[in-house]
């Protein structure tokens, strides 16, 4: 599991971005990949998978 901070999340559109702790890379997150609801600045843990347009965060949990 990786860790990071939610940079942006739009609840009405159901997506956002997480900044990874290890390299400051932005990872796309969609509401279908959430275990817990998230908001901006939440600390989260997550797995990363290759999506159609790049890396996606899945199994996202607040920590």
PDB file of N, CA and C in Angstrom:
ATOM      1  N   UNK A   1       0.843  -1.190   0.000  1.00  0.00           N
ATOM      2  CA  UNK A   1       0.000   0.000   0.000  1.00  0.00           C
ATOM      3  C   UNK A   1       0.887   1.252   0.000  1.00  0.00           C
ATOM      4  N   UNK A   2       0.476   2.227  -0.779  1.00  0.00           N
ATOM      5  CA  UNK A   2       1.164   3.510  -0.807  1.00  0.00           C
ATOM      6  C   UNK A   2       0.391   4.491   0.078  1.00  0.00           C
ATOM      7  N   UNK A   3       1.016   5.601   0.407  1.00  0.00           N
ATOM      8  CA  UNK A   3       0.346   6.626   1.196  1.00  0.00           C
ATOM      9  C   UNK A   3       0.466   7.966   0.489  1.00  0.00           C
ATOM     10  N   UNK A   4      -0.447   8.873   0.844  1.00  0.00           N
ATOM     11  CA  UNK A   4      -0.414  10.195   0.240  1.00  0.00           C
ATOM     12  C   UNK A   4      -1.470  11.096   0.832  1.00  0.00           C
ATOM     13  N   UNK A   5      -1.674  12.231   0.156  1.00  0.00           N
ATOM     14  CA  UNK A   5      -2.612  13.244   0.618  1.00  0.00           C
ATOM     15  C   UNK A   5      -3.534  13.604  -0.546  1.00  0.00           C
ATOM     16  N   UNK A   6      -4.826  13.738  -0.247  1.00  0.00           N
ATOM     17  CA  UNK A   6      -5.793  14.104  -1.284  1.00  0.00           C
ATOM     18  C   UNK A   6      -5.572  15.567  -1.660  1.00  0.00           C
ATOM     19  N   UNK A   7      -5.224  15.804  -2.920  1.00  0.00           N
ATOM     20  CA  UNK A   7      -4.996  17.172  -3.405  1.00  0.00           C
ATOM     21  C   UNK A   7      -6.319  17.826  -3.774  1.00  0.00           C
ATOM     22  N   UNK A   8      -7.200  17.028  -4.389  1.00  0.00           N
ATOM     23  CA  UNK A   8      -8.463  17.550  -4.913  1.00  0.00           C
ATOM     24  C   UNK A   8      -9.427  16.386  -5.029  1.00  0.00           C
ATOM     25  N   UNK A   9     -10.688  16.600  -4.652  1.00  0.00           N
ATOM     26  CA  UNK A   9     -11.712  15.594  -4.919  1.00  0.00           C
ATOM     27  C   UNK A   9     -13.044  16.290  -5.113  1.00  0.00           C
ATOM     28  N   UNK A  10     -13.665  16.063  -6.267  1.00  0.00           N
ATOM     29  CA  UNK A  10     -14.959  16.651  -6.607  1.00  0.00           C
ATOM     30  C   UNK A  10     -16.029  15.596  -6.368  1.00  0.00           C
ATOM     31  N   UNK A  11     -16.793  15.745  -5.287  1.00  0.00           N
ATOM     32  CA  UNK A  11     -17.803  14.749  -4.939  1.00  0.00           C
ATOM     33  C   UNK A  11     -18.891  14.627  -6.001  1.00  0.00           C
ATOM     34  N   UNK A  12     -19.307  15.749  -6.596  1.00  0.00           N
ATOM     35  CA  UNK A  12     -20.400  15.693  -7.570  1.00  0.00           C
ATOM     36  C   UNK A  12     -19.980  14.989  -8.863  1.00  0.00           C
ATOM     37  N   UNK A  13     -18.700  15.118  -9.243  1.00  0.00           N
ATOM     38  CA  UNK A  13     -18.205  14.442 -10.447  1.00  0.00           C
ATOM     39  C   UNK A  13     -17.588  13.087 -10.137  1.00  0.00           C
ATOM     40  N   UNK A  14     -17.240  12.854  -8.853  1.00  0.00           N
ATOM     41  CA  UNK A  14     -16.766  11.542  -8.434  1.00  0.00           C
ATOM     42  C   UNK A  14     -15.321  11.212  -8.750  1.00  0.00           C
ATOM     43  N   UNK A  15     -14.459  12.241  -8.856  1.00  0.00           N
ATOM     44  CA  UNK A  15     -13.049  11.956  -9.102  1.00  0.00           C
ATOM     45  C   UNK A  15     -12.168  13.031  -8.492  1.00  0.00           C
ATOM     46  N   UNK A  16     -10.873  12.729  -8.438  1.00  0.00           N
ATOM     47  CA  UNK A  16      -9.915  13.697  -7.926  1.00  0.00           C
ATOM     48  C   UNK A  16      -8.498  13.186  -8.102  1.00  0.00           C
ATOM     49  N   UNK A  17      -7.571  13.743  -7.294  1.00  0.00           N
ATOM     50  CA  UNK A  17      -6.163  13.378  -7.385  1.00  0.00           C
ATOM     51  C   UNK A  17      -5.554  13.256  -5.999  1.00  0.00           C
ATOM     52  N   UNK A  18      -4.651  12.294  -5.868  1.00  0.00           N
ATOM     53  CA  UNK A  18      -3.893  12.069  -4.641  1.00  0.00           C
ATOM     54  C   UNK A  18      -2.422  12.295  -4.975  1.00  0.00           C
ATOM     55  N   UNK A  19      -1.692  12.987  -4.093  1.00  0.00           N
ATOM     56  CA  UNK A  19      -0.250  13.173  -4.259  1.00  0.00           C
ATOM     57  C   UNK A  19       0.451  12.122  -3.404  1.00  0.00           C
ATOM     58  N   UNK A  20       1.230  11.254  -4.060  1.00  0.00           N
ATOM     59  CA  UNK A  20       1.962  10.200  -3.345  1.00  0.00           C
ATOM     60  C   UNK A  20       3.039  10.795  -2.458  1.00  0.00           C
ATOM     61  N   UNK A  21       3.220  10.215  -1.271  1.00  0.00           N
ATOM     62  CA  UNK A  21       4.276  10.671  -0.370  1.00  0.00           C
ATOM     63  C   UNK A  21       5.666  10.419  -0.944  1.00  0.00           C
ATOM     64  N   UNK A  22       5.867   9.267  -1.567  1.00  0.00           N
ATOM     65  CA  UNK A  22       7.231   8.863  -1.946  1.00  0.00           C
ATOM     66  C   UNK A  22       7.856   9.705  -3.042  1.00  0.00           C
ATOM     67  N   UNK A  23       7.048  10.243  -3.980  1.00  0.00           N
ATOM     68  CA  UNK A  23       7.652  10.987  -5.089  1.00  0.00           C
ATOM     69  C   UNK A  23       6.832  12.192  -5.565  1.00  0.00           C
ATOM     70  N   UNK A  24       5.807  12.577  -4.810  1.00  0.00           N
ATOM     71  CA  UNK A  24       4.949  13.728  -5.147  1.00  0.00           C
ATOM     72  C   UNK A  24       4.218  13.580  -6.485  1.00  0.00           C
ATOM     73  N   UNK A  25       4.128  12.359  -7.004  1.00  0.00           N
ATOM     74  CA  UNK A  25       3.398  12.120  -8.245  1.00  0.00           C
ATOM     75  C   UNK A  25       1.902  12.199  -7.969  1.00  0.00           C
ATOM     76  N   UNK A  26       1.154  12.809  -8.892  1.00  0.00           N
ATOM     77  CA  UNK A  26      -0.296  12.881  -8.762  1.00  0.00           C
ATOM     78  C   UNK A  26      -0.922  11.634  -9.374  1.00  0.00           C
ATOM     79  N   UNK A  27      -1.804  10.992  -8.610  1.00  0.00           N
ATOM     80  CA  UNK A  27      -2.474   9.779  -9.052  1.00  0.00           C
ATOM     81  C   UNK A  27      -3.969  10.057  -9.129  1.00  0.00           C
ATOM     82  N   UNK A  28      -4.587   9.704 -10.252  1.00  0.00           N
ATOM     83  CA  UNK A  28      -6.023   9.876 -10.437  1.00  0.00           C
ATOM     84  C   UNK A  28      -6.789   8.929  -9.514  1.00  0.00           C
ATOM     85  N   UNK A  29      -7.889   9.410  -8.934  1.00  0.00           N
ATOM     86  CA  UNK A  29      -8.748   8.553  -8.119  1.00  0.00           C
ATOM     87  C   UNK A  29     -10.201   8.772  -8.536  1.00  0.00           C
ATOM     88  N   UNK A  30     -10.916   7.661  -8.743  1.00  0.00           N
ATOM     89  CA  UNK A  30     -12.345   7.701  -9.083  1.00  0.00           C
ATOM     90  C   UNK A  30     -13.126   7.142  -7.904  1.00  0.00           C
ATOM     91  N   UNK A  31     -14.351   7.602  -7.748  1.00  0.00           N
ATOM     92  CA  UNK A  31     -15.160   7.171  -6.596  1.00  0.00           C
ATOM     93  C   UNK A  31     -15.335   5.666  -6.520  1.00  0.00           C
ATOM     94  N   UNK A  32     -15.234   4.959  -7.638  1.00  0.00           N
ATOM     95  CA  UNK A  32     -15.362   3.498  -7.611  1.00  0.00           C
ATOM     96  C   UNK A  32     -14.170   2.838  -6.922  1.00  0.00           C
ATOM     97  N   UNK A  33     -13.063   3.573  -6.746  1.00  0.00           N
ATOM     98  CA  UNK A  33     -11.880   3.035  -6.093  1.00  0.00           C
ATOM     99  C   UNK A  33     -11.811   3.343  -4.600  1.00  0.00           C
ATOM    100  N   UNK A  34     -12.870   3.956  -4.066  1.00  0.00           N
ATOM    101  CA  UNK A  34     -12.863   4.370  -2.658  1.00  0.00           C
ATOM    102  C   UNK A  34     -13.433   3.302  -1.737  1.00  0.00           C
ATOM    103  N   UNK A  35     -12.784   3.118  -0.589  1.00  0.00           N
ATOM    104  CA  UNK A  35     -13.347   2.315   0.498  1.00  0.00           C
ATOM    105  C   UNK A  35     -14.035   3.263   1.477  1.00  0.00           C
ATOM    106  N   UNK A  36     -13.382   4.403   1.770  1.00  0.00           N
ATOM    107  CA  UNK A  36     -13.952   5.451   2.616  1.00  0.00           C
ATOM    108  C   UNK A  36     -14.188   6.700   1.771  1.00  0.00           C
ATOM    109  N   UNK A  37     -15.129   7.548   2.197  1.00  0.00           N
ATOM    110  CA  UNK A  37     -15.273   8.850   1.550  1.00  0.00           C
ATOM    111  C   UNK A  37     -14.019   9.664   1.835  1.00  0.00           C
ATOM    112  N   UNK A  38     -13.608  10.488   0.873  1.00  0.00           N
ATOM    113  CA  UNK A  38     -12.407  11.309   1.057  1.00  0.00           C
ATOM    114  C   UNK A  38     -12.722  12.766   0.750  1.00  0.00           C
ATOM    115  N   UNK A  39     -11.898  13.638   1.328  1.00  0.00           N
ATOM    116  CA  UNK A  39     -11.983  15.082   1.097  1.00  0.00           C
ATOM    117  C   UNK A  39     -10.575  15.624   0.904  1.00  0.00           C
ATOM    118  N   UNK A  40     -10.488  16.870   0.416  1.00  0.00           N
ATOM    119  CA  UNK A  40      -9.184  17.504   0.251  1.00  0.00           C
ATOM    120  C   UNK A  40      -8.411  17.473   1.558  1.00  0.00           C
ATOM    121  N   UNK A  41      -7.115  17.233   1.452  1.00  0.00           N
ATOM    122  CA  UNK A  41      -6.160  17.207   2.565  1.00  0.00           C
ATOM    123  C   UNK A  41      -6.247  15.974   3.453  1.00  0.00           C
ATOM    124  N   UNK A  42      -7.148  15.018   3.164  1.00  0.00           N
ATOM    125  CA  UNK A  42      -7.172  13.758   3.924  1.00  0.00           C
ATOM    126  C   UNK A  42      -5.890  12.982   3.648  1.00  0.00           C
ATOM    127  N   UNK A  43      -5.347  12.320   4.677  1.00  0.00           N
ATOM    128  CA  UNK A  43      -4.241  11.378   4.508  1.00  0.00           C
ATOM    129  C   UNK A  43      -4.866  10.041   4.145  1.00  0.00           C
ATOM    130  N   UNK A  44      -4.328   9.378   3.136  1.00  0.00           N
ATOM    131  CA  UNK A  44      -4.916   8.130   2.643  1.00  0.00           C
ATOM    132  C   UNK A  44      -3.845   7.075   2.361  1.00  0.00           C
ATOM    133  N   UNK A  45      -4.279   5.817   2.367  1.00  0.00           N
ATOM    134  CA  UNK A  45      -3.460   4.719   1.856  1.00  0.00           C
ATOM    135  C   UNK A  45      -4.216   4.152   0.657  1.00  0.00           C
ATOM    136  N   UNK A  46      -3.469   3.567  -0.286  1.00  0.00           N
ATOM    137  CA  UNK A  46      -4.093   3.125  -1.535  1.00  0.00           C
ATOM    138  C   UNK A  46      -3.163   2.206  -2.301  1.00  0.00           C
ATOM    139  N   UNK A  47      -3.731   1.469  -3.236  1.00  0.00           N
ATOM    140  CA  UNK A  47      -2.965   0.697  -4.212  1.00  0.00           C
ATOM    141  C   UNK A  47      -3.035   1.441  -5.541  1.00  0.00           C
ATOM    142  N   UNK A  48      -2.088   1.164  -6.425  1.00  0.00           N
ATOM    143  CA  UNK A  48      -2.038   1.819  -7.738  1.00  0.00           C
ATOM    144  C   UNK A  48      -2.149   0.755  -8.824  1.00  0.00           C
ATOM    145  N   UNK A  49      -3.027   1.022  -9.792  1.00  0.00           N
ATOM    146  CA  UNK A  49      -3.147   0.152 -10.962  1.00  0.00           C
ATOM    147  C   UNK A  49      -3.009   1.005 -12.223  1.00  0.00           C
ATOM    148  N   UNK A  50      -2.676   0.348 -13.325  1.00  0.00           N
ATOM    149  CA  UNK A  50      -2.597   1.035 -14.613  1.00  0.00           C
ATOM    150  C   UNK A  50      -3.997   1.126 -15.195  1.00  0.00           C
ATOM    151  N   UNK A  51      -4.474   2.351 -15.441  1.00  0.00           N
ATOM    152  CA  UNK A  51      -5.788   2.561 -16.037  1.00  0.00           C
ATOM    153  C   UNK A  51      -5.664   2.880 -17.516  1.00  0.00           C
ATOM    154  N   UNK A  52      -6.781   3.218 -18.147  1.00  0.00           N
ATOM    155  CA  UNK A  52      -6.783   3.532 -19.575  1.00  0.00           C
ATOM    156  C   UNK A  52      -5.939   4.756 -19.906  1.00  0.00           C
ATOM    157  N   UNK A  53      -5.918   5.735 -18.987  1.00  0.00           N
ATOM    158  CA  UNK A  53      -5.203   6.992 -19.257  1.00  0.00           C
ATOM    159  C   UNK A  53      -4.045   7.224 -18.302  1.00  0.00           C
ATOM    160  N   UNK A  54      -3.583   6.188 -17.617  1.00  0.00           N
ATOM    161  CA  UNK A  54      -2.473   6.349 -16.689  1.00  0.00           C
ATOM    162  C   UNK A  54      -2.749   5.630 -15.382  1.00  0.00           C
ATOM    163  N   UNK A  55      -2.049   6.052 -14.328  1.00  0.00           N
ATOM    164  CA  UNK A  55      -2.167   5.384 -13.040  1.00  0.00           C
ATOM    165  C   UNK A  55      -3.436   5.803 -12.308  1.00  0.00           C
ATOM    166  N   UNK A  56      -4.072   4.822 -11.659  1.00  0.00           N
ATOM    167  CA  UNK A  56      -5.282   5.060 -10.865  1.00  0.00           C
ATOM    168  C   UNK A  56      -5.096   4.533  -9.461  1.00  0.00           C
ATOM    169  N   UNK A  57      -5.583   5.283  -8.476  1.00  0.00           N
ATOM    170  CA  UNK A  57      -5.576   4.835  -7.089  1.00  0.00           C
ATOM    171  C   UNK A  57      -6.834   4.011  -6.845  1.00  0.00           C
ATOM    172  N   UNK A  58      -6.674   2.852  -6.177  1.00  0.00           N
ATOM    173  CA  UNK A  58      -7.795   1.988  -5.825  1.00  0.00           C
ATOM    174  C   UNK A  58      -7.635   1.552  -4.374  1.00  0.00           C
ATOM    175  N   UNK A  59      -8.709   1.018  -3.807  1.00  0.00           N
ATOM    176  CA  UNK A  59      -8.708   0.594  -2.402  1.00  0.00           C
ATOM    177  C   UNK A  59      -8.262   1.751  -1.491  1.00  0.00           C
ATOM    178  N   UNK A  60      -8.815   2.930  -1.755  1.00  0.00           N
ATOM    179  CA  UNK A  60      -8.421   4.149  -1.054  1.00  0.00           C
ATOM    180  C   UNK A  60      -9.111   4.218   0.313  1.00  0.00           C
ATOM    181  N   UNK A  61      -8.288   4.344   1.370  1.00  0.00           N
ATOM    182  CA  UNK A  61      -8.798   4.426   2.746  1.00  0.00           C
ATOM    183  C   UNK A  61      -8.174   5.627   3.448  1.00  0.00           C
ATOM    184  N   UNK A  62      -8.982   6.303   4.269  1.00  0.00           N
ATOM    185  CA  UNK A  62      -8.433   7.369   5.117  1.00  0.00           C
ATOM    186  C   UNK A  62      -7.562   6.747   6.200  1.00  0.00           C
ATOM    187  N   UNK A  63      -6.479   7.434   6.548  1.00  0.00           N
ATOM    188  CA  UNK A  63      -5.619   6.959   7.641  1.00  0.00           C
ATOM    189  C   UNK A  63      -5.415   8.054   8.680  1.00  0.00           C
TER     190      UNK A  63
END
